[in-house]
Amino acid sequence: MQGVLTVESSAGEDERGPGNVIGQWERLDGSDDVRVVAQTDVRLVAVDRAAWETAQAG
């Protein structure tokens, strides 16, 4: 099985797999309480805000 994460917030619980992104938009429900739990071994890549915005701008 490839890496699986569970993202928990006041809006509910969502499972994420390979290629999915987790970031600030997880808090759109207004909650500061977001919990990410690795269900399996995962490999994460951290991208700072400036690099993310540059990549999104194309």
C-alpha atoms as a PDB file:
ATOM      1  CA  MET A   1       0.000   0.000   0.000  1.00  0.00           C
ATOM      2  CA  GLN A   2       1.251   3.463  -0.841  1.00  0.00           C
ATOM      3  CA  GLY A   3       1.315   6.271   1.724  1.00  0.00           C
ATOM      4  CA  VAL A   4      -2.036   7.204   3.220  1.00  0.00           C
ATOM      5  CA  LEU A   5      -2.804  10.222   5.420  1.00  0.00           C
ATOM      6  CA  THR A   6      -5.982  11.105   7.261  1.00  0.00           C
ATOM      7  CA  VAL A   7      -6.769  14.824   7.559  1.00  0.00           C
ATOM      8  CA  GLU A   8      -9.137  15.599  10.439  1.00  0.00           C
ATOM      9  CA  SER A   9     -10.818  18.968  11.020  1.00  0.00           C
ATOM     10  CA  SER A  10     -14.140  20.263  12.303  1.00  0.00           C
ATOM     11  CA  ALA A  11     -15.435  19.785   8.730  1.00  0.00           C
ATOM     12  CA  GLY A  12     -14.829  16.043   8.982  1.00  0.00           C
ATOM     13  CA  GLU A  13     -12.242  13.478   8.037  1.00  0.00           C
ATOM     14  CA  ASP A  14     -10.640  13.017   4.620  1.00  0.00           C
ATOM     15  CA  GLU A  15      -8.196  10.372   3.432  1.00  0.00           C
ATOM     16  CA  ARG A  16      -5.310  11.424   1.166  1.00  0.00           C
ATOM     17  CA  GLY A  17      -3.036   9.281  -0.923  1.00  0.00           C
ATOM     18  CA  PRO A  18      -0.007   9.733  -3.173  1.00  0.00           C
ATOM     19  CA  GLY A  19       0.107  13.016  -5.066  1.00  0.00           C
ATOM     20  CA  ASN A  20      -2.365  14.817  -2.796  1.00  0.00           C
ATOM     21  CA  VAL A  21      -1.544  18.143  -1.200  1.00  0.00           C
ATOM     22  CA  ILE A  22      -2.175  19.289   2.361  1.00  0.00           C
ATOM     23  CA  GLY A  23      -1.905  22.978   3.177  1.00  0.00           C
ATOM     24  CA  GLN A  24      -3.481  26.169   4.472  1.00  0.00           C
ATOM     25  CA  TRP A  25      -6.771  25.581   2.660  1.00  0.00           C
ATOM     26  CA  GLU A  26      -7.440  22.749   5.095  1.00  0.00           C
ATOM     27  CA  ARG A  27      -8.536  25.496   7.487  1.00  0.00           C
ATOM     28  CA  LEU A  28     -11.227  26.999   5.238  1.00  0.00           C
ATOM     29  CA  ASP A  29     -13.875  25.919   7.722  1.00  0.00           C
ATOM     30  CA  GLY A  30     -12.439  28.524  10.131  1.00  0.00           C
ATOM     31  CA  SER A  31     -10.856  26.006  12.461  1.00  0.00           C
ATOM     32  CA  ASP A  32      -7.299  26.177  13.694  1.00  0.00           C
ATOM     33  CA  ASP A  33      -7.554  22.537  14.686  1.00  0.00           C
ATOM     34  CA  VAL A  34      -6.358  20.412  11.797  1.00  0.00           C
ATOM     35  CA  ARG A  35      -4.776  17.059  12.504  1.00  0.00           C
ATOM     36  CA  VAL A  36      -2.883  14.966   9.964  1.00  0.00           C
ATOM     37  CA  VAL A  37      -2.260  11.319  10.829  1.00  0.00           C
ATOM     38  CA  ALA A  38      -0.085   8.950   8.792  1.00  0.00           C
ATOM     39  CA  GLN A  39      -1.971   5.664   8.383  1.00  0.00           C
ATOM     40  CA  THR A  40       1.009   4.050   6.637  1.00  0.00           C
ATOM     41  CA  ASP A  41       4.642   4.945   6.037  1.00  0.00           C
ATOM     42  CA  VAL A  42       4.688   8.119   3.952  1.00  0.00           C
ATOM     43  CA  ARG A  43       7.210  10.373   2.260  1.00  0.00           C
ATOM     44  CA  LEU A  44       6.438  14.065   2.601  1.00  0.00           C
ATOM     45  CA  VAL A  45       7.850  17.021   0.728  1.00  0.00           C
ATOM     46  CA  ALA A  46       7.695  20.415   2.413  1.00  0.00           C
ATOM     47  CA  VAL A  47       7.402  23.387   0.053  1.00  0.00           C
ATOM     48  CA  ASP A  48       7.654  26.933   1.370  1.00  0.00           C
ATOM     49  CA  ARG A  49       4.993  29.460   0.487  1.00  0.00           C
ATOM     50  CA  ALA A  50       7.091  31.436  -2.042  1.00  0.00           C
ATOM     51  CA  ALA A  51       8.010  28.308  -3.997  1.00  0.00           C
ATOM     52  CA  TRP A  52       4.385  27.104  -3.968  1.00  0.00           C
ATOM     53  CA  GLU A  53       3.064  30.448  -5.222  1.00  0.00           C
ATOM     54  CA  THR A  54       5.718  30.541  -7.960  1.00  0.00           C
ATOM     55  CA  ALA A  55       4.766  27.027  -9.078  1.00  0.00           C
ATOM     56  CA  GLN A  56       1.065  27.905  -9.090  1.00  0.00           C
ATOM     57  CA  ALA A  57       1.682  31.037 -11.159  1.00  0.00           C
ATOM     58  CA  GLY A  58       3.336  28.890 -13.817  1.00  0.00           C
END
